[in-house]
């Protein structure tokens, strides 16, 4: 009997991926979580790379399996999926480590070297008029918040630029060579965030912590939007706290409009730090492999 798998429209499967599914008599239907009119009650298999609203998940009483194209499975409410005995599986490997680290430095360099404003000046025929001086990185201090694979790669790149690197560890669990978040906030010229979206990290960068940062510092977030209090961030920006802010993630995605977009010292990108041809091919390959190997087909 032919099986139907619904595939999040943000997941672009290759011909090879589709042939593997076809060989197992699995047909794919692309859908948009925000706009699709599909009957969620009929969904048995789902491949996902977006947040699944709880009201939709509650309709999926026949669902057997949700494969998530990410290591972190927080796109799905575990209490609800467990209630309906839905198997939720993320990727076992972490992909895009170099991609996200490179994107982090693209944002740092874009801010410190006035790339966006310089480009806009050139396009407007203004040359250097009104542009501030560029910001040198060598000798400055960067704090990497999160000592995972991406954070460690960012630290490696930072040292090549001659930056002094501080690694922020977990509160009350500091390892040798790590510093507390308070020490980092007070002493850093650049803060780069690389923590997960676990519940304990919700709005980790709250108003109190943002206020502790040095005036004229740079703040980068390429982790998850949920770790930042964006209301407090805008307040601190209005107070002239930052030289610049680089954001690849937001509380709600896609973010179509925001007052942040109007600020000349902010660079925003649409959650694409990980999005390289190489990393996506590897992620999709494991996503399909996990799906084909999962046990619910036998039920």
Protein backbone atom coordinates (compact mmCIF):
# COMPACT_ATOMS: atom_id res chain seq x y z
CA UNK A 1 0.00 0.00 0.00
CA UNK A 2 1.33 3.43 -0.94
CA UNK A 3 2.25 5.63 2.03
CA UNK A 4 2.01 9.41 2.03
CA UNK A 5 4.59 11.62 3.73
CA UNK A 6 3.93 15.33 4.16
CA UNK A 7 7.07 17.41 3.70
CA UNK A 8 7.57 20.91 5.09
CA UNK A 9 7.98 23.26 2.09
CA UNK A 10 11.25 24.55 3.58
CA UNK A 11 12.75 21.08 2.98
CA UNK A 12 13.76 20.81 -0.67
CA UNK A 13 14.37 17.15 -1.42
CA UNK A 14 16.74 16.15 -4.20
CA UNK A 15 15.79 13.75 -6.98
CA UNK A 16 17.92 11.14 -5.22
CA UNK A 17 15.97 11.64 -1.97
CA UNK A 18 12.67 11.27 -3.79
CA UNK A 19 13.82 8.15 -5.61
CA UNK A 20 14.71 6.52 -2.29
CA UNK A 21 11.22 7.26 -0.99
CA UNK A 22 9.57 6.16 -4.22
CA UNK A 23 11.38 2.83 -4.04
CA UNK A 24 9.62 2.23 -0.71
CA UNK A 25 6.24 3.23 -2.18
CA UNK A 26 6.21 6.54 -0.33
CA UNK A 27 4.70 9.61 -2.01
CA UNK A 28 5.55 13.12 -0.86
CA UNK A 29 3.15 16.03 -0.48
CA UNK A 30 4.67 19.46 0.08
CA UNK A 31 2.81 21.69 2.50
CA UNK A 32 3.12 25.05 4.22
CA UNK A 33 2.38 24.86 7.94
CA UNK A 34 1.08 28.42 8.05
CA UNK A 35 -1.09 28.30 4.93
CA UNK A 36 -1.82 24.68 4.08
CA UNK A 37 -5.42 23.49 4.01
CA UNK A 38 -4.50 19.84 4.49
CA UNK A 39 -6.52 17.69 6.86
CA UNK A 40 -4.07 17.20 9.72
CA UNK A 41 -6.18 14.36 11.03
CA UNK A 42 -5.06 12.30 8.00
CA UNK A 43 -1.32 12.92 8.44
CA UNK A 44 0.60 9.78 9.36
CA UNK A 45 4.15 10.80 8.44
CA UNK A 46 5.67 14.26 8.53
CA UNK A 47 9.11 15.70 7.74
CA UNK A 48 9.49 19.04 9.45
CA UNK A 49 11.78 22.06 9.68
CA UNK A 50 9.44 24.64 11.15
CA UNK A 51 7.59 25.10 14.42
CA UNK A 52 4.42 22.99 14.40
CA UNK A 53 1.57 24.88 16.13
CA UNK A 54 0.06 22.93 19.02
CA UNK A 55 -3.43 23.26 17.60
CA UNK A 56 -2.26 21.46 14.45
CA UNK A 57 -0.40 18.80 16.41
CA UNK A 58 -3.52 18.14 18.47
CA UNK A 59 -5.37 17.30 15.24
CA UNK A 60 -2.77 14.70 14.26
CA UNK A 61 -4.23 11.77 16.18
CA UNK A 62 -3.31 9.31 13.40
CA UNK A 63 0.27 10.51 13.11
CA UNK A 64 2.94 7.87 13.68
CA UNK A 65 6.19 9.70 12.95
CA UNK A 66 7.61 13.21 12.74
CA UNK A 67 11.15 13.53 11.44
CA UNK A 68 12.81 16.86 12.18
CA UNK A 69 15.66 18.25 10.09
CA UNK A 70 17.57 19.50 13.11
CA UNK A 71 19.28 18.05 16.14
CA UNK A 72 17.01 19.95 18.47
CA UNK A 73 13.43 18.65 18.36
CA UNK A 74 11.79 21.68 19.98
CA UNK A 75 9.74 22.33 16.85
CA UNK A 76 7.21 19.91 18.36
CA UNK A 77 5.58 19.97 21.80
CA UNK A 78 6.74 16.73 23.45
CA UNK A 79 3.82 16.51 25.87
CA UNK A 80 1.34 16.46 22.99
CA UNK A 81 3.35 14.10 20.78
CA UNK A 82 3.77 11.69 23.69
CA UNK A 83 0.05 11.88 24.38
CA UNK A 84 -0.67 10.55 20.87
CA UNK A 85 2.33 8.16 20.83
CA UNK A 86 3.94 10.02 17.94
CA UNK A 87 7.58 9.14 17.38
CA UNK A 88 9.56 12.40 17.09
CA UNK A 89 13.10 12.05 15.78
CA UNK A 90 15.76 14.65 15.16
CA UNK A 91 19.12 14.37 13.42
CA UNK A 92 21.80 12.50 15.30
CA UNK A 93 24.67 14.45 13.75
CA UNK A 94 25.22 18.20 13.98
CA UNK A 95 25.62 19.80 10.59
CA UNK A 96 26.48 23.32 9.51
CA UNK A 97 29.09 23.88 12.23
CA UNK A 98 31.49 25.67 9.89
CA UNK A 99 28.60 27.32 8.05
CA UNK A 100 27.17 28.96 11.19
CA UNK A 101 30.61 29.95 12.47
CA UNK A 102 31.42 31.55 9.11
CA UNK A 103 28.07 33.36 9.10
CA UNK A 104 28.76 34.62 12.61
CA UNK A 105 31.94 36.26 11.39
CA UNK A 106 30.21 37.58 8.28
CA UNK A 107 27.91 39.50 10.63
CA UNK A 108 30.80 40.65 12.83
CA UNK A 109 32.73 41.89 9.82
CA UNK A 110 29.64 43.43 8.23
CA UNK A 111 29.13 45.53 11.35
CA UNK A 112 32.74 46.35 12.18
CA UNK A 113 33.60 47.30 8.60
CA UNK A 114 30.37 49.23 7.87
CA UNK A 115 29.67 47.05 4.85
CA UNK A 116 25.93 47.65 4.52
CA UNK A 117 26.07 51.39 5.12
CA UNK A 118 29.13 51.76 2.87
CA UNK A 119 27.34 49.91 0.07
CA UNK A 120 24.24 52.07 0.49
CA UNK A 121 26.41 55.21 0.40
CA UNK A 122 28.02 54.11 -2.84
CA UNK A 123 24.64 53.31 -4.42
CA UNK A 124 23.35 56.73 -3.37
CA UNK A 125 26.42 58.54 -4.75
CA UNK A 126 27.50 59.72 -1.29
CA UNK A 127 30.92 58.02 -1.21
CA UNK A 128 32.25 58.30 2.41
CA UNK A 129 29.94 61.10 3.53
CA UNK A 130 28.50 60.46 6.99
CA UNK A 131 30.16 57.09 7.48
CA UNK A 132 31.79 56.35 10.86
CA UNK A 133 35.30 54.96 11.06
CA UNK A 134 35.66 51.21 10.71
CA UNK A 135 36.18 49.13 13.84
CA UNK A 136 39.38 47.10 14.22
CA UNK A 137 39.09 43.60 15.64
CA UNK A 138 42.68 42.78 16.59
CA UNK A 139 43.21 43.06 20.33
CA UNK A 140 39.50 43.26 21.14
CA UNK A 141 37.74 40.72 23.38
CA UNK A 142 35.03 38.40 22.14
CA UNK A 143 32.95 36.22 24.44
CA UNK A 144 31.50 33.04 22.99
CA UNK A 145 28.37 32.13 24.92
CA UNK A 146 28.01 28.38 24.54
CA UNK A 147 30.87 25.90 24.52
CA UNK A 148 29.49 23.50 21.91
CA UNK A 149 30.90 22.62 18.51
CA UNK A 150 29.80 25.87 16.86
CA UNK A 151 31.00 28.00 19.74
CA UNK A 152 34.40 26.33 19.70
CA UNK A 153 34.71 26.86 15.94
CA UNK A 154 33.85 30.55 16.36
CA UNK A 155 36.57 30.76 19.03
CA UNK A 156 39.11 29.24 16.63
CA UNK A 157 38.28 31.76 13.91
CA UNK A 158 38.34 34.62 16.41
CA UNK A 159 41.92 33.83 17.39
CA UNK A 160 42.98 34.06 13.75
CA UNK A 161 41.68 37.65 13.75
CA UNK A 162 43.78 38.42 16.84
CA UNK A 163 40.81 38.59 19.18
CA UNK A 164 41.11 37.66 22.83
CA UNK A 165 38.57 34.88 23.43
CA UNK A 166 36.48 34.24 26.53
CA UNK A 167 34.35 31.09 26.68
CA UNK A 168 31.18 31.39 28.76
CA UNK A 169 30.24 28.20 30.58
CA UNK A 170 27.05 27.12 32.33
CA UNK A 171 26.28 28.91 35.55
CA UNK A 172 27.45 26.98 38.63
CA UNK A 173 29.13 24.43 36.33
CA UNK A 174 32.15 26.35 35.07
CA UNK A 175 34.92 24.20 33.67
CA UNK A 176 38.59 25.10 33.51
CA UNK A 177 39.13 27.93 31.05
CA UNK A 178 35.50 29.12 31.14
CA UNK A 179 34.19 32.37 32.58
CA UNK A 180 30.84 33.41 34.01
CA UNK A 181 28.31 35.27 31.91
CA UNK A 182 28.64 38.35 34.14
CA UNK A 183 32.40 38.48 33.63
CA UNK A 184 31.89 38.17 29.89
CA UNK A 185 29.24 40.88 29.67
CA UNK A 186 31.33 43.42 31.56
CA UNK A 187 34.61 42.79 29.72
CA UNK A 188 33.66 41.95 26.13
CA UNK A 189 33.71 44.09 23.02
CA UNK A 190 31.82 41.39 21.12
CA UNK A 191 29.28 38.85 22.41
CA UNK A 192 28.42 35.91 20.15
CA UNK A 193 25.56 33.64 21.23
CA UNK A 194 25.66 29.89 20.58
CA UNK A 195 23.37 28.27 23.14
CA UNK A 196 20.45 25.93 22.57
CA UNK A 197 16.75 26.72 22.88
CA UNK A 198 16.21 24.59 25.98
CA UNK A 199 13.62 25.97 28.38
CA UNK A 200 16.27 27.16 30.84
CA UNK A 201 17.74 29.35 28.08
CA UNK A 202 14.48 31.15 27.31
CA UNK A 203 15.30 34.87 27.16
CA UNK A 204 18.73 34.10 28.59
CA UNK A 205 19.77 37.49 27.27
CA UNK A 206 17.20 39.47 29.22
CA UNK A 207 17.14 43.17 29.98
CA UNK A 208 19.34 42.81 33.05
CA UNK A 209 22.10 41.06 31.14
CA UNK A 210 21.92 43.37 28.14
CA UNK A 211 22.34 46.37 30.44
CA UNK A 212 25.61 44.88 31.74
CA UNK A 213 27.21 44.85 28.30
CA UNK A 214 29.82 47.44 27.44
CA UNK A 215 28.62 50.54 25.65
CA UNK A 216 29.74 50.41 22.05
CA UNK A 217 29.91 46.61 21.93
CA UNK A 218 28.75 44.23 19.21
CA UNK A 219 26.07 41.59 19.81
CA UNK A 220 25.58 38.58 17.52
CA UNK A 221 22.85 35.94 17.72
CA UNK A 222 23.03 32.98 15.34
CA UNK A 223 21.55 30.42 17.76
CA UNK A 224 17.77 30.64 18.34
CA UNK A 225 15.43 33.60 18.67
CA UNK A 226 13.99 32.33 21.95
CA UNK A 227 17.24 32.97 23.86
CA UNK A 228 16.94 36.73 23.34
CA UNK A 229 14.52 39.21 24.91
CA UNK A 230 13.97 41.28 21.77
CA UNK A 231 11.91 43.95 23.53
CA UNK A 232 14.78 44.64 25.92
CA UNK A 233 17.21 44.49 23.01
CA UNK A 234 15.37 47.27 21.20
CA UNK A 235 15.26 49.33 24.39
CA UNK A 236 19.02 49.06 24.79
CA UNK A 237 19.52 49.94 21.14
CA UNK A 238 17.42 53.07 21.60
CA UNK A 239 19.72 53.94 24.51
CA UNK A 240 22.74 53.72 22.21
CA UNK A 241 24.19 50.62 23.85
CA UNK A 242 25.60 48.90 20.77
CA UNK A 243 28.04 49.65 17.99
CA UNK A 244 26.03 47.10 16.07
CA UNK A 245 23.86 44.01 16.27
CA UNK A 246 23.82 41.00 13.95
CA UNK A 247 20.77 38.72 14.01
CA UNK A 248 20.11 35.53 12.06
CA UNK A 249 17.28 34.29 14.30
CA UNK A 250 14.06 35.77 15.67
CA UNK A 251 11.29 34.90 18.15
CA UNK A 252 8.87 34.31 15.27
CA UNK A 253 9.94 33.17 11.84
CA UNK A 254 9.51 34.23 9.16
CA UNK A 255 9.67 37.79 10.47
CA UNK A 256 8.15 40.02 7.80
CA UNK A 257 8.47 43.42 9.47
CA UNK A 258 10.22 44.84 12.51
CA UNK A 259 11.51 48.18 13.75
CA UNK A 260 14.91 46.45 13.85
CA UNK A 261 14.97 46.53 10.05
CA UNK A 262 15.06 50.32 10.09
CA UNK A 263 18.16 50.64 12.26
CA UNK A 264 21.38 51.40 10.42
CA UNK A 265 23.57 49.51 12.90
CA UNK A 266 21.68 46.23 12.61
CA UNK A 267 22.26 43.45 10.09
CA UNK A 268 19.42 40.92 9.88
CA UNK A 269 19.50 37.68 7.91
CA UNK A 270 16.63 35.16 7.54
CA UNK A 271 17.91 32.22 9.64
CA UNK A 272 20.29 30.98 6.95
CA UNK A 273 23.57 30.67 8.82
CA UNK A 274 23.51 26.89 8.45
CA UNK A 275 22.11 27.04 4.92
CA UNK A 276 24.86 25.95 2.58
CA UNK A 277 24.58 23.45 -0.25
CA UNK A 278 26.94 21.10 1.56
CA UNK A 279 25.18 21.11 4.93
CA UNK A 280 21.67 20.81 3.47
CA UNK A 281 22.65 17.79 1.38
CA UNK A 282 23.98 16.04 4.49
CA UNK A 283 20.98 17.00 6.61
CA UNK A 284 18.47 15.78 4.02
CA UNK A 285 20.38 12.55 3.57
CA UNK A 286 20.16 11.71 7.28
CA UNK A 287 16.54 12.92 7.49
CA UNK A 288 15.47 10.46 4.77
CA UNK A 289 17.64 7.67 6.17
CA UNK A 290 16.09 8.06 9.64
CA UNK A 291 12.60 8.13 8.15
CA UNK A 292 13.10 4.97 6.10
CA UNK A 293 14.67 3.15 9.04
CA UNK A 294 12.03 4.04 11.62
CA UNK A 295 9.87 1.25 12.98
CA UNK A 296 6.35 2.67 12.64
CA UNK A 297 6.01 1.31 9.10
CA UNK A 298 5.53 -2.11 10.66
CA UNK A 299 2.60 -0.96 12.80
